[in-house]
Amino acid sequence: TVKGGREGRDIGAYEVARAVEALGAGEILLNCIDRDGTGAGFDTELIAMVSEAVSIPVIASSGAGEPKHFTDVFQKTGAAAALAAGIFH
């Protein structure tokens, strides 16, 4: 999506991840706008899909609301790291 998720595109996260890796990206910071600020947990399905699609590190972002969400994201996906921001405020 573009414009803060208000406009969709015909290309998905999988295709974008593969493309940026091919263009030389060293890592991907994967933000799920649907989970941003919710505290409902990371989108582990999306993170797993992108992590499996590329060989570069994927950093999970958006959704953490409690410590268990970090356990979940590392056990259920190939994420190399996960962001903690909203969980602190």
C-alpha atoms as a PDB file:
ATOM      1  CA  THR A   1       0.000   0.000   0.000  1.00  0.00           C
ATOM      2  CA  VAL A   2       0.932   3.637  -0.274  1.00  0.00           C
ATOM      3  CA  LYS A   3      -0.235   6.862   1.338  1.00  0.00           C
ATOM      4  CA  GLY A   4      -0.302   5.374   4.820  1.00  0.00           C
ATOM      5  CA  GLY A   5      -2.197   2.273   3.736  1.00  0.00           C
ATOM      6  CA  ARG A   6      -5.033   4.203   2.115  1.00  0.00           C
ATOM      7  CA  GLU A   7      -4.183   3.098  -1.439  1.00  0.00           C
ATOM      8  CA  GLY A   8      -3.504  -0.462  -2.502  1.00  0.00           C
ATOM      9  CA  ARG A   9      -1.172  -1.667  -5.243  1.00  0.00           C
ATOM     10  CA  ASP A  10      -1.013  -4.802  -7.379  1.00  0.00           C
ATOM     11  CA  ILE A  11       2.275  -5.868  -5.804  1.00  0.00           C
ATOM     12  CA  GLY A  12       2.442  -7.561  -2.408  1.00  0.00           C
ATOM     13  CA  ALA A  13       4.949  -7.727   0.424  1.00  0.00           C
ATOM     14  CA  TYR A  14       6.493 -10.953  -0.899  1.00  0.00           C
ATOM     15  CA  GLU A  15       7.257  -9.408  -4.292  1.00  0.00           C
ATOM     16  CA  VAL A  16       8.548  -6.177  -2.781  1.00  0.00           C
ATOM     17  CA  ALA A  17      10.831  -8.072  -0.396  1.00  0.00           C
ATOM     18  CA  ARG A  18      12.310 -10.141  -3.225  1.00  0.00           C
ATOM     19  CA  ALA A  19      12.775  -7.031  -5.368  1.00  0.00           C
ATOM     20  CA  VAL A  20      14.557  -4.944  -2.727  1.00  0.00           C
ATOM     21  CA  GLU A  21      16.852  -7.852  -1.912  1.00  0.00           C
ATOM     22  CA  ALA A  22      17.704  -8.164  -5.619  1.00  0.00           C
ATOM     23  CA  LEU A  23      18.422  -4.420  -5.696  1.00  0.00           C
ATOM     24  CA  GLY A  24      20.953  -4.831  -2.878  1.00  0.00           C
ATOM     25  CA  ALA A  25      19.093  -4.137   0.364  1.00  0.00           C
ATOM     26  CA  GLY A  26      20.995  -5.435   3.374  1.00  0.00           C
ATOM     27  CA  GLU A  27      17.954  -5.892   5.597  1.00  0.00           C
ATOM     28  CA  ILE A  28      14.206  -5.293   5.626  1.00  0.00           C
ATOM     29  CA  LEU A  29      12.346  -3.377   8.318  1.00  0.00           C
ATOM     30  CA  LEU A  30       8.894  -4.908   7.967  1.00  0.00           C
ATOM     31  CA  ASN A  31       6.109  -2.717   9.305  1.00  0.00           C
ATOM     32  CA  CYS A  32       2.551  -4.041   9.335  1.00  0.00           C
ATOM     33  CA  ILE A  33       0.364  -0.941   9.271  1.00  0.00           C
ATOM     34  CA  ASP A  34      -2.670  -2.988  10.348  1.00  0.00           C
ATOM     35  CA  ARG A  35      -0.933  -3.882  13.636  1.00  0.00           C
ATOM     36  CA  ASP A  36       0.809  -0.558  14.229  1.00  0.00           C
ATOM     37  CA  GLY A  37      -0.113   0.778  17.663  1.00  0.00           C
ATOM     38  CA  THR A  38      -2.610  -1.990  18.422  1.00  0.00           C
ATOM     39  CA  GLY A  39      -0.630  -3.948  21.002  1.00  0.00           C
ATOM     40  CA  ALA A  40      -2.243  -7.086  19.533  1.00  0.00           C
ATOM     41  CA  GLY A  41       1.040  -8.791  18.628  1.00  0.00           C
ATOM     42  CA  PHE A  42       3.163  -8.978  15.514  1.00  0.00           C
ATOM     43  CA  ASP A  43       1.691 -10.196  12.214  1.00  0.00           C
ATOM     44  CA  THR A  44       3.579 -13.490  12.396  1.00  0.00           C
ATOM     45  CA  GLU A  45       2.074 -14.816   9.159  1.00  0.00           C
ATOM     46  CA  LEU A  46       3.365 -11.826   7.166  1.00  0.00           C
ATOM     47  CA  ILE A  47       6.738 -11.856   8.907  1.00  0.00           C
ATOM     48  CA  ALA A  48       7.218 -15.588   8.305  1.00  0.00           C
ATOM     49  CA  MET A  49       6.289 -15.218   4.624  1.00  0.00           C
ATOM     50  CA  VAL A  50       8.766 -12.390   4.040  1.00  0.00           C
ATOM     51  CA  SER A  51      11.512 -14.043   6.108  1.00  0.00           C
ATOM     52  CA  GLU A  52      11.197 -17.210   4.021  1.00  0.00           C
ATOM     53  CA  ALA A  53      11.232 -15.218   0.762  1.00  0.00           C
ATOM     54  CA  VAL A  54      14.607 -13.551   1.315  1.00  0.00           C
ATOM     55  CA  SER A  55      18.054 -14.373   2.648  1.00  0.00           C
ATOM     56  CA  ILE A  56      18.672 -10.961   4.255  1.00  0.00           C
ATOM     57  CA  PRO A  57      17.636 -10.186   7.850  1.00  0.00           C
ATOM     58  CA  VAL A  58      14.020  -9.183   8.449  1.00  0.00           C
ATOM     59  CA  ILE A  59      13.230  -6.903  11.380  1.00  0.00           C
ATOM     60  CA  ALA A  60       9.660  -7.235  12.654  1.00  0.00           C
ATOM     61  CA  SER A  61       7.854  -4.005  13.472  1.00  0.00           C
ATOM     62  CA  SER A  62       4.405  -3.056  14.737  1.00  0.00           C
ATOM     63  CA  GLY A  63       2.066  -4.763  17.150  1.00  0.00           C
ATOM     64  CA  ALA A  64       4.046  -5.593  20.289  1.00  0.00           C
ATOM     65  CA  GLY A  65       1.941  -5.040  23.371  1.00  0.00           C
ATOM     66  CA  GLU A  66       3.416  -7.475  25.866  1.00  0.00           C
ATOM     67  CA  PRO A  67       6.631  -9.494  26.309  1.00  0.00           C
ATOM     68  CA  LYS A  68       5.006 -12.706  25.009  1.00  0.00           C
ATOM     69  CA  HIS A  69       4.663 -11.094  21.586  1.00  0.00           C
ATOM     70  CA  PHE A  70       8.461 -11.144  21.260  1.00  0.00           C
ATOM     71  CA  THR A  71       8.600 -14.830  22.143  1.00  0.00           C
ATOM     72  CA  ASP A  72       5.907 -15.490  19.548  1.00  0.00           C
ATOM     73  CA  VAL A  73       7.598 -13.567  16.743  1.00  0.00           C
ATOM     74  CA  PHE A  74      10.925 -15.331  17.246  1.00  0.00           C
ATOM     75  CA  GLN A  75       9.412 -18.806  17.648  1.00  0.00           C
ATOM     76  CA  LYS A  76       6.957 -18.535  14.743  1.00  0.00           C
ATOM     77  CA  THR A  77       9.011 -16.633  12.148  1.00  0.00           C
ATOM     78  CA  GLY A  78      12.511 -16.232  10.844  1.00  0.00           C
ATOM     79  CA  ALA A  79      12.749 -12.634  12.073  1.00  0.00           C
ATOM     80  CA  ALA A  80      16.285 -11.563  12.930  1.00  0.00           C
ATOM     81  CA  ALA A  81      15.083  -8.818  15.276  1.00  0.00           C
ATOM     82  CA  ALA A  82      11.893  -7.174  16.516  1.00  0.00           C
ATOM     83  CA  LEU A  83      11.145  -3.586  17.434  1.00  0.00           C
ATOM     84  CA  ALA A  84       9.814  -2.500  20.784  1.00  0.00           C
ATOM     85  CA  ALA A  85       8.451   1.041  20.811  1.00  0.00           C
ATOM     86  CA  GLY A  86       4.767   1.344  21.702  1.00  0.00           C
ATOM     87  CA  ILE A  87       5.081  -1.296  24.401  1.00  0.00           C
ATOM     88  CA  PHE A  88       6.961   1.275  26.498  1.00  0.00           C
ATOM     89  CA  HIS A  89       4.277   3.962  26.477  1.00  0.00           C
END
